[in-house]
Amino acid sequence: MTERPAPKISFVSLGCPKALVDSERIVTRLRAEGYELAKTHRGADAVIVNTCGFLDSAKAESLAAIRAGMEENGKVIVTGCMGAEPETISEAFPDVLSVSGPQAFDTVMAAVHVAAPAPHDPFLDLVPEQGVKLTPRHYAYLKISEGCNNSCSFCIIPRLRGKLVSRPIVEVLREAEKLVKAGVKELLVISQDTGAYGIDARFAQTQWAGRDVRTKFIDLARELGGLGVWVRLHYLYPYPHVDEILELMAQGAILPYLDIPFQHAAPSVLRAMKRPGNHEQVLERIRDWRRQVPDLAIRSTFIVGFPGETEEDFRLLLDWIAEARIDRLGAFKYEPVGGAPANDLGLPAVPDDVKEARYRRLMEAQQKISAQLSRAKVGTRRKVIIDEAGPTVSRGRSMADAPQIDGAVHVASARRLRAGDIVDVKIERADAYDLYGRAS
């Protein structure tokens, strides 16, 4: 009996870590059914493109990826956020096999079955218990909910991914345990709005490991903090109850890292964005957080050039950042997004050259702050998780650094380190974003 080779699927995952988790779920189902992943489009039996549709630039990147799949293969299945507006894709590429929105796993698999049938062999254990991950073995994203109840005027995520839907807490904790059992050393908790976890479920209570737990942000954080691995919280809306997490950070259960996208500081801009936040009150909260957790690292993102932003507004933002001394800062030049309420505010657009100039000024100001904060760490000892091992110098991250978006720690060591090792490092020098040290 001749054994038929397994069909191969080429996969492209675009967008944020939430989309990456969706990609991991699709890949897990592919592997469970006997499919293999191809390294290139050419020669694959089909191509899957998981798109991003948050900004026009992201849509352009998604369309380019679809075009590459069509030109190099011809059998393309499209899913993800941009698939929530299928007419754009169908008009540009009428011959794509299927278009579906985010989390449409069954639709994606149905399209795969038509394009490249592969009968499942139930006698082969093709998938590890924790599923197939697209991240390195030592860290993993843990998505706790989908959708968002907020109404930020620049954002169309609620339209693309729907209202908040929290995963049952037992399901989340069971997945986290499996990941830790498989060797994961760092869990990166993600969602569209992590602090809102459980609101839609009215904080329903259930049993876990013989005790009552609520489907609630603080309960979930407390349980994850007991697993003995690094737990990093991402995408926290600045609700008052976020302050509850500081005690767990002070105890060492949760990493001292807050990822809160403040977006701006000027009151008029925040009102137009439909974002909360009195800049003076937020500064006082930050001071209080740092009194409770001296090693706290704060990551945030800001938008420059939002419609109606004046030079006075922008200067207020620069002054606020100088006062807040955000540890990890990312900035974006505002892009109008089709369907976003910000398009109908009637506010004057900021010229592109002004956006670019403000972006540069903001990043230059932040670079000076970051350099000062980095230099203050010289002579200290830091726990570092190794991402890339080298013969004599390895690359890792401190508790203040999330993968892909923050800085790195370059670690010299007399012994060979491995990816996933957590080592004690004495910091010997620093630049604006990275630290350099030696393992003990």
Protein backbone atom coordinates (compact mmCIF):
# COMPACT_ATOMS: atom_id res chain seq x y z
CA MET A 1 0.00 0.00 0.00
CA THR A 2 1.54 3.34 -1.08
CA GLU A 3 1.47 6.02 1.61
CA ARG A 4 0.22 9.34 0.34
CA PRO A 5 2.35 12.33 1.42
CA ALA A 6 0.66 14.76 3.77
CA PRO A 7 -0.62 17.95 2.13
CA LYS A 8 1.41 21.05 2.92
CA ILE A 9 -0.04 24.40 3.90
CA SER A 10 1.88 27.67 3.75
CA PHE A 11 0.83 30.03 6.55
CA VAL A 12 1.16 33.82 6.93
CA SER A 13 0.21 35.41 10.27
CA LEU A 14 -0.08 39.20 10.41
CA GLY A 15 -1.07 41.65 13.11
CA CYS A 16 -1.03 41.58 16.89
CA PRO A 17 -0.39 38.74 19.38
CA LYS A 18 -4.17 38.16 19.60
CA ALA A 19 -4.12 37.26 15.91
CA LEU A 20 -1.04 35.10 16.50
CA VAL A 21 -3.00 33.04 19.03
CA ASP A 22 -5.73 32.57 16.43
CA SER A 23 -3.05 31.39 14.00
CA GLU A 24 -1.75 28.93 16.58
CA ARG A 25 -5.23 27.45 16.94
CA ILE A 26 -5.56 27.00 13.18
CA VAL A 27 -2.09 25.45 12.93
CA THR A 28 -2.92 23.10 15.82
CA ARG A 29 -6.01 21.88 13.98
CA LEU A 30 -4.02 21.48 10.76
CA ARG A 31 -1.40 19.35 12.49
CA ALA A 32 -4.07 17.34 14.31
CA GLU A 33 -5.55 16.40 10.94
CA GLY A 34 -2.24 15.38 9.45
CA TYR A 35 -1.26 18.48 7.49
CA GLU A 36 2.31 19.77 7.33
CA LEU A 37 3.46 23.37 7.21
CA ALA A 38 5.38 24.53 4.14
CA LYS A 39 8.22 27.04 4.34
CA THR A 40 7.32 28.69 1.03
CA HIS A 41 4.16 29.28 -0.99
CA ARG A 42 5.57 27.53 -4.06
CA GLY A 43 4.80 23.83 -3.97
CA ALA A 44 2.32 24.12 -1.08
CA ASP A 45 -1.16 22.68 -1.53
CA ALA A 46 -2.74 25.91 -0.25
CA VAL A 47 -1.86 29.21 1.44
CA ILE A 48 -3.60 30.65 4.51
CA VAL A 49 -3.25 34.38 5.22
CA ASN A 50 -4.40 35.57 8.65
CA THR A 51 -4.92 39.28 8.01
CA CYS A 52 -4.87 42.47 10.07
CA GLY A 53 -7.37 45.24 9.39
CA PHE A 54 -6.76 47.73 12.18
CA LEU A 55 -5.06 50.48 10.13
CA ASP A 56 -4.92 51.28 6.43
CA SER A 57 -1.20 50.43 6.46
CA ALA A 58 -2.02 47.04 8.02
CA LYS A 59 -4.68 46.44 5.36
CA ALA A 60 -2.13 47.25 2.67
CA GLU A 61 0.28 44.72 4.19
CA SER A 62 -2.49 42.11 4.26
CA LEU A 63 -3.40 42.73 0.61
CA ALA A 64 0.28 42.44 -0.33
CA ALA A 65 0.49 39.09 1.47
CA ILE A 66 -2.62 37.83 -0.33
CA ARG A 67 -1.19 39.02 -3.65
CA ALA A 68 2.06 37.15 -2.99
CA GLY A 69 0.11 33.99 -2.20
CA MET A 70 -1.96 34.30 -5.38
CA GLU A 71 1.08 34.95 -7.57
CA GLU A 72 3.26 32.22 -6.06
CA ASN A 73 0.61 29.58 -5.43
CA GLY A 74 -2.88 30.54 -6.60
CA LYS A 75 -4.84 28.73 -3.87
CA VAL A 76 -5.31 31.25 -1.05
CA ILE A 77 -7.58 31.12 2.00
CA VAL A 78 -8.06 34.46 3.78
CA THR A 79 -9.09 34.90 7.40
CA GLY A 80 -8.61 37.39 10.25
CA CYS A 81 -9.70 40.95 10.99
CA MET A 82 -9.63 42.20 7.40
CA GLY A 83 -11.84 39.27 6.47
CA ALA A 84 -14.62 40.94 8.46
CA GLU A 85 -14.91 43.28 5.43
CA PRO A 86 -14.77 40.64 2.68
CA GLU A 87 -15.79 42.90 -0.20
CA THR A 88 -12.38 44.64 -0.20
CA ILE A 89 -10.59 41.32 -0.58
CA SER A 90 -13.06 39.84 -3.08
CA GLU A 91 -12.88 42.91 -5.31
CA ALA A 92 -9.09 42.82 -5.38
CA PHE A 93 -8.77 39.02 -5.59
CA PRO A 94 -11.98 37.42 -6.91
CA ASP A 95 -10.29 34.00 -7.14
CA VAL A 96 -9.40 33.53 -3.46
CA LEU A 97 -10.82 30.27 -2.18
CA SER A 98 -12.43 31.61 0.98
CA VAL A 99 -12.72 34.81 3.03
CA SER A 100 -13.67 34.74 6.70
CA GLY A 101 -13.36 37.01 9.72
CA PRO A 102 -11.43 36.50 12.98
CA GLN A 103 -11.85 33.23 14.91
CA ALA A 104 -13.69 31.57 12.01
CA PHE A 105 -11.73 28.37 12.54
CA ASP A 106 -14.35 26.03 11.15
CA THR A 107 -14.68 28.08 7.96
CA VAL A 108 -10.92 28.06 7.47
CA MET A 109 -10.69 24.30 7.95
CA ALA A 110 -13.63 23.68 5.62
CA ALA A 111 -11.81 25.65 2.91
CA VAL A 112 -8.62 23.66 3.56
CA HIS A 113 -10.52 20.38 3.26
CA VAL A 114 -11.80 21.43 -0.18
CA ALA A 115 -8.43 22.71 -1.41
CA ALA A 116 -6.28 19.88 -0.04
CA PRO A 117 -8.16 16.92 1.46
CA ALA A 118 -6.28 15.04 4.16
CA PRO A 119 -8.09 12.27 6.04
CA HIS A 120 -7.25 12.31 9.73
CA ASP A 121 -5.37 9.30 11.03
CA PRO A 122 -6.65 8.74 14.58
CA PHE A 123 -3.79 6.33 15.31
CA LEU A 124 -1.13 9.04 15.04
CA ASP A 125 -0.52 11.44 17.92
CA LEU A 126 0.32 14.49 15.85
CA VAL A 127 -0.32 17.28 18.34
CA PRO A 128 1.26 17.89 21.76
CA GLU A 129 -1.18 18.38 24.64
CA GLN A 130 -0.54 22.14 24.79
CA GLY A 131 -1.21 22.59 21.05
CA VAL A 132 1.13 23.91 18.37
CA LYS A 133 2.78 27.24 19.19
CA LEU A 134 4.37 29.76 16.85
CA THR A 135 6.47 31.30 19.63
CA PRO A 136 9.71 29.88 21.05
CA ARG A 137 9.23 27.00 23.46
CA HIS A 138 9.97 29.03 26.59
CA TYR A 139 7.22 31.65 26.29
CA ALA A 140 3.62 31.68 25.08
CA TYR A 141 0.73 34.06 24.67
CA LEU A 142 -2.34 33.24 26.74
CA LYS A 143 -5.48 34.87 25.32
CA ILE A 144 -8.14 35.27 28.00
CA SER A 145 -10.92 37.00 26.10
CA GLU A 146 -11.99 38.28 22.71
CA GLY A 147 -13.60 41.55 21.64
CA CYS A 148 -13.95 44.86 23.44
CA ASN A 149 -16.70 46.98 25.05
CA ASN A 150 -14.85 50.29 24.76
CA SER A 151 -15.69 52.89 22.12
CA CYS A 152 -12.40 54.63 21.37
CA SER A 153 -13.10 56.87 18.39
CA PHE A 154 -9.97 55.83 16.47
CA CYS A 155 -10.62 52.08 16.75
CA ILE A 156 -12.75 49.59 14.83
CA ILE A 157 -11.79 46.49 16.85
CA PRO A 158 -15.29 46.11 18.40
CA ARG A 159 -16.73 46.08 14.89
CA LEU A 160 -14.18 43.54 13.68
CA ARG A 161 -14.02 41.24 16.72
CA GLY A 162 -17.27 42.03 18.51
CA LYS A 163 -18.09 42.82 22.12
CA LEU A 164 -16.14 41.39 25.05
CA VAL A 165 -16.40 37.62 25.44
CA SER A 166 -14.33 36.22 28.32
CA ARG A 167 -13.10 32.63 28.27
CA PRO A 168 -14.19 30.54 31.26
CA ILE A 169 -11.54 30.88 33.94
CA VAL A 170 -11.17 27.10 34.32
CA GLU A 171 -10.45 26.81 30.58
CA VAL A 172 -7.80 29.54 30.79
CA LEU A 173 -6.13 28.02 33.85
CA ARG A 174 -6.17 24.55 32.33
CA GLU A 175 -4.41 25.89 29.22
CA ALA A 176 -1.88 27.74 31.38
CA GLU A 177 -1.07 24.57 33.32
CA LYS A 178 -0.53 22.62 30.10
CA LEU A 179 1.83 25.30 28.80
CA VAL A 180 3.87 25.31 32.00
CA LYS A 181 3.99 21.52 32.00
CA ALA A 182 5.33 21.67 28.42
CA GLY A 183 8.23 23.90 29.48
CA VAL A 184 6.92 27.45 29.09
CA LYS A 185 8.74 29.81 31.47
CA GLU A 186 6.81 32.99 30.68
CA LEU A 187 3.07 33.51 30.11
CA LEU A 188 2.09 36.68 28.28
CA VAL A 189 -1.55 37.39 29.10
CA ILE A 190 -3.32 39.13 26.22
CA SER A 191 -6.76 40.27 25.12
CA GLN A 192 -8.25 43.46 23.71
CA ASP A 193 -8.92 44.66 27.26
CA THR A 194 -7.32 42.47 29.93
CA GLY A 195 -8.62 44.42 32.92
CA ALA A 196 -12.21 43.89 31.76
CA TYR A 197 -11.90 40.11 31.98
CA GLY A 198 -15.08 38.56 33.36
CA ILE A 199 -17.34 41.64 33.20
CA ASP A 200 -19.50 40.00 30.52
CA ALA A 201 -19.79 36.87 32.68
CA ARG A 202 -20.73 38.98 35.71
CA PHE A 203 -17.66 37.56 37.45
CA ALA A 204 -19.20 34.10 37.61
CA GLN A 205 -17.78 31.91 40.36
CA THR A 206 -16.62 28.34 39.83
CA GLN A 207 -14.41 25.67 41.38
CA TRP A 208 -10.73 25.29 40.54
CA ALA A 209 -8.33 22.99 42.41
CA GLY A 210 -10.79 22.66 45.27
CA ARG A 211 -11.38 26.37 45.82
CA ASP A 212 -13.75 29.05 44.59
CA VAL A 213 -12.45 31.37 41.88
CA ARG A 214 -14.28 34.17 40.11
CA THR A 215 -14.12 34.89 36.40
CA LYS A 216 -12.39 38.14 37.24
CA PHE A 217 -9.14 39.88 36.36
CA ILE A 218 -7.66 39.84 39.86
CA ASP A 219 -8.63 36.21 40.55
CA LEU A 220 -7.12 35.07 37.28
CA ALA A 221 -3.90 36.98 37.97
CA ARG A 222 -3.67 35.47 41.45
CA GLU A 223 -4.09 31.92 40.12
CA LEU A 224 -1.59 32.42 37.29
CA GLY A 225 0.85 33.91 39.77
CA GLY A 226 0.88 30.60 41.65
CA LEU A 227 2.19 28.58 38.69
CA GLY A 228 5.85 29.42 39.37
CA VAL A 229 6.59 31.11 36.03
CA TRP A 230 6.87 34.68 34.82
CA VAL A 231 3.41 36.18 34.20
CA ARG A 232 3.29 39.38 32.14
CA LEU A 233 0.06 41.36 31.72
CA HIS A 234 -0.62 43.18 28.45
CA TYR A 235 -3.26 45.64 27.21
CA LEU A 236 -4.72 46.96 30.43
CA TYR A 237 -7.26 49.76 30.09
CA PRO A 238 -6.62 52.30 32.91
CA TYR A 239 -9.55 51.25 35.10
CA PRO A 240 -9.30 52.08 38.84
CA HIS A 241 -9.36 48.36 39.73
CA VAL A 242 -6.07 47.83 37.85
CA ASP A 243 -4.45 49.13 41.04
CA GLU A 244 -5.38 45.83 42.74
CA ILE A 245 -2.65 44.03 40.80
CA LEU A 246 0.13 45.99 42.51
CA GLU A 247 0.02 43.82 45.63
CA LEU A 248 0.65 40.68 43.55
CA MET A 249 3.58 42.44 41.86
CA ALA A 250 5.03 43.49 45.21
CA GLN A 251 4.79 39.84 46.33
CA GLY A 252 6.65 38.66 43.21
CA ALA A 253 3.69 36.61 41.94
CA ILE A 254 3.22 38.75 38.80
CA LEU A 255 5.99 40.52 36.89
CA PRO A 256 6.32 44.21 37.82
CA TYR A 257 5.21 45.30 34.35
CA LEU A 258 2.14 47.31 33.40
CA ASP A 259 1.17 47.66 29.74
CA ILE A 260 -1.36 50.51 29.64
CA PRO A 261 -1.95 52.39 26.36
CA PHE A 262 -2.57 55.93 27.64
CA GLN A 263 -2.68 57.23 24.02
CA HIS A 264 -2.32 60.92 24.97
CA ALA A 265 -2.28 63.37 27.86
CA ALA A 266 -4.05 66.48 26.54
CA PRO A 267 -7.65 66.59 27.86
CA SER A 268 -9.14 67.81 24.57
CA VAL A 269 -7.45 65.02 22.60
CA LEU A 270 -8.48 62.34 25.10
CA ARG A 271 -12.08 63.57 24.93
CA ALA A 272 -12.02 63.38 21.14
CA MET A 273 -10.53 59.88 21.38
CA LYS A 274 -13.23 58.89 23.93
CA ARG A 275 -10.45 57.80 26.25
CA PRO A 276 -10.43 58.22 30.05
CA GLY A 277 -7.74 59.98 31.95
CA ASN A 278 -7.09 63.23 33.76
CA HIS A 279 -3.37 63.78 33.16
CA GLU A 280 -2.68 65.02 36.71
CA GLN A 281 -4.60 62.15 38.29
CA VAL A 282 -2.82 59.63 36.08
CA LEU A 283 0.55 61.05 37.11
CA GLU A 284 -0.41 60.65 40.77
CA ARG A 285 -1.47 57.04 40.13
CA ILE A 286 1.88 56.33 38.49
CA ARG A 287 3.71 57.83 41.49
CA ASP A 288 1.64 55.65 43.83
CA TRP A 289 2.31 52.53 41.73
CA ARG A 290 6.05 53.15 41.94
CA ARG A 291 5.88 53.73 45.68
CA GLN A 292 4.29 50.29 46.03
CA VAL A 293 6.53 48.55 43.47
CA PRO A 294 9.85 50.39 43.06
CA ASP A 295 10.99 48.15 40.18
CA LEU A 296 7.76 48.63 38.22
CA ALA A 297 8.20 49.05 34.45
CA ILE A 298 5.41 50.86 32.62
CA ARG A 299 4.88 50.33 28.90
CA SER A 300 2.54 52.57 26.99
CA THR A 301 1.63 53.69 23.49
CA PHE A 302 0.72 57.15 22.27
CA ILE A 303 -0.85 58.57 19.12
CA VAL A 304 0.45 61.82 17.63
CA GLY A 305 -1.38 63.83 15.01
CA PHE A 306 -4.91 62.89 16.06
CA PRO A 307 -7.49 65.19 14.39
CA GLY A 308 -7.62 68.49 16.19
CA GLU A 309 -4.32 68.02 18.05
CA THR A 310 -2.72 71.45 18.43
CA GLU A 311 0.87 72.37 19.15
CA GLU A 312 -0.23 73.20 22.69
CA ASP A 313 -1.75 69.72 23.06
CA PHE A 314 1.45 68.13 21.82
CA ARG A 315 3.63 70.18 24.17
CA LEU A 316 1.43 69.09 27.06
CA LEU A 317 2.06 65.47 25.99
CA LEU A 318 5.84 66.06 25.95
CA ASP A 319 5.71 67.66 29.40
CA TRP A 320 3.59 64.79 30.72
CA ILE A 321 6.00 62.16 29.41
CA ALA A 322 8.94 64.01 30.98
CA GLU A 323 7.09 63.88 34.30
CA ALA A 324 5.77 60.32 34.01
CA ARG A 325 9.08 58.88 32.77
CA ILE A 326 7.45 55.95 31.00
CA ASP A 327 9.90 53.04 30.88
CA ARG A 328 8.86 51.58 27.53
CA LEU A 329 7.12 53.87 25.04
CA GLY A 330 5.80 53.27 21.56
CA ALA A 331 4.27 55.95 19.34
CA PHE A 332 2.14 55.94 16.22
CA LYS A 333 1.30 58.63 13.69
CA TYR A 334 -2.46 58.79 13.46
CA GLU A 335 -3.98 57.04 10.46
CA PRO A 336 -7.66 57.43 9.58
CA VAL A 337 -9.35 54.03 9.58
CA GLY A 338 -12.41 53.39 7.45
CA GLY A 339 -15.49 53.14 9.65
CA ALA A 340 -13.86 54.70 12.74
CA PRO A 341 -15.95 57.36 14.55
CA ALA A 342 -12.94 59.71 14.53
CA ASN A 343 -13.60 60.32 10.83
CA ASP A 344 -16.88 62.05 11.66
CA LEU A 345 -15.75 64.31 14.49
CA GLY A 346 -15.40 67.32 12.20
CA LEU A 347 -11.96 68.12 13.62
CA PRO A 348 -9.18 69.48 11.39
CA ALA A 349 -6.69 66.90 10.12
CA VAL A 350 -3.06 67.32 11.17
CA PRO A 351 -0.82 67.61 8.07
CA ASP A 352 1.44 64.61 7.43
CA ASP A 353 4.64 66.65 7.76
CA VAL A 354 3.50 67.93 11.16
CA LYS A 355 2.67 64.36 12.27
CA GLU A 356 6.13 63.22 11.21
CA ALA A 357 7.84 66.10 13.02
CA ARG A 358 5.87 65.48 16.21
CA TYR A 359 6.59 61.76 16.04
CA ARG A 360 10.34 62.46 15.81
CA ARG A 361 10.22 64.97 18.66
CA LEU A 362 8.35 62.53 20.88
CA MET A 363 10.73 59.64 20.18
CA GLU A 364 13.79 61.86 20.68
CA ALA A 365 12.43 63.01 24.04
CA GLN A 366 11.69 59.42 25.04
CA GLN A 367 15.13 58.23 23.94
CA LYS A 368 16.73 60.60 26.46
CA ILE A 369 14.43 59.35 29.22
CA SER A 370 15.07 55.72 28.30
CA ALA A 371 18.84 56.28 28.29
CA GLN A 372 18.69 57.80 31.77
CA LEU A 373 16.57 54.95 33.10
CA SER A 374 18.90 52.38 31.52
CA ARG A 375 22.06 53.98 32.94
CA ALA A 376 20.50 53.89 36.42
CA LYS A 377 20.48 50.09 36.18
CA VAL A 378 24.26 49.79 35.69
CA GLY A 379 25.74 48.01 38.70
CA THR A 380 22.48 46.29 39.64
CA ARG A 381 21.58 42.62 39.30
CA ARG A 382 18.65 41.54 37.16
CA LYS A 383 16.87 38.30 36.42
CA VAL A 384 17.07 37.66 32.67
CA ILE A 385 15.28 35.07 30.55
CA ILE A 386 17.40 33.94 27.59
CA ASP A 387 15.74 34.16 24.15
CA GLU A 388 18.71 33.46 21.86
CA ALA A 389 21.71 31.50 23.12
CA GLY A 390 25.19 32.24 21.76
CA PRO A 391 28.66 30.72 22.27
CA THR A 392 29.81 33.49 24.61
CA VAL A 393 27.11 36.19 24.49
CA SER A 394 23.39 35.46 24.60
CA ARG A 395 20.39 37.70 24.11
CA GLY A 396 17.63 37.85 26.67
CA ARG A 397 15.11 40.04 28.44
CA SER A 398 14.68 41.38 31.95
CA MET A 399 11.38 41.46 33.78
CA ALA A 400 10.90 44.93 32.28
CA ASP A 401 11.04 43.67 28.69
CA ALA A 402 8.35 41.91 26.68
CA PRO A 403 9.40 39.96 23.56
CA GLN A 404 9.41 41.72 20.19
CA ILE A 405 8.45 45.17 21.51
CA ASP A 406 10.88 46.13 24.30
CA GLY A 407 14.63 46.19 24.81
CA ALA A 408 17.09 43.33 25.26
CA VAL A 409 19.80 42.29 27.70
CA HIS A 410 23.03 41.03 26.13
CA VAL A 411 24.50 38.47 28.51
CA ALA A 412 28.13 37.36 28.53
CA SER A 413 28.67 34.01 30.20
CA ALA A 414 31.52 31.59 30.82
CA ARG A 415 29.07 28.69 30.63
CA ARG A 416 26.82 27.86 27.71
CA LEU A 417 23.31 29.20 28.21
CA ARG A 418 20.16 27.83 26.63
CA ALA A 419 16.98 29.50 25.43
CA GLY A 420 14.56 29.58 28.35
CA ASP A 421 17.22 29.75 31.05
CA ILE A 422 16.55 32.39 33.69
CA VAL A 423 19.88 33.71 34.96
CA ASP A 424 21.12 36.32 37.40
CA VAL A 425 22.98 39.06 35.50
CA LYS A 426 25.09 41.95 36.75
CA ILE A 427 24.53 44.96 34.47
CA GLU A 428 27.83 46.50 33.36
CA ARG A 429 26.76 49.07 30.77
CA ALA A 430 23.70 50.40 28.96
CA ASP A 431 22.57 52.28 25.90
CA ALA A 432 19.21 53.96 25.25
CA TYR A 433 17.27 50.71 24.99
CA ASP A 434 19.49 47.70 25.75
CA LEU A 435 21.48 46.50 28.74
CA TYR A 436 24.78 44.60 28.74
CA GLY A 437 25.97 42.39 31.56
CA ARG A 438 27.54 39.15 32.75
CA ALA A 439 25.82 36.07 34.14
CA SER A 440 26.76 34.98 37.65
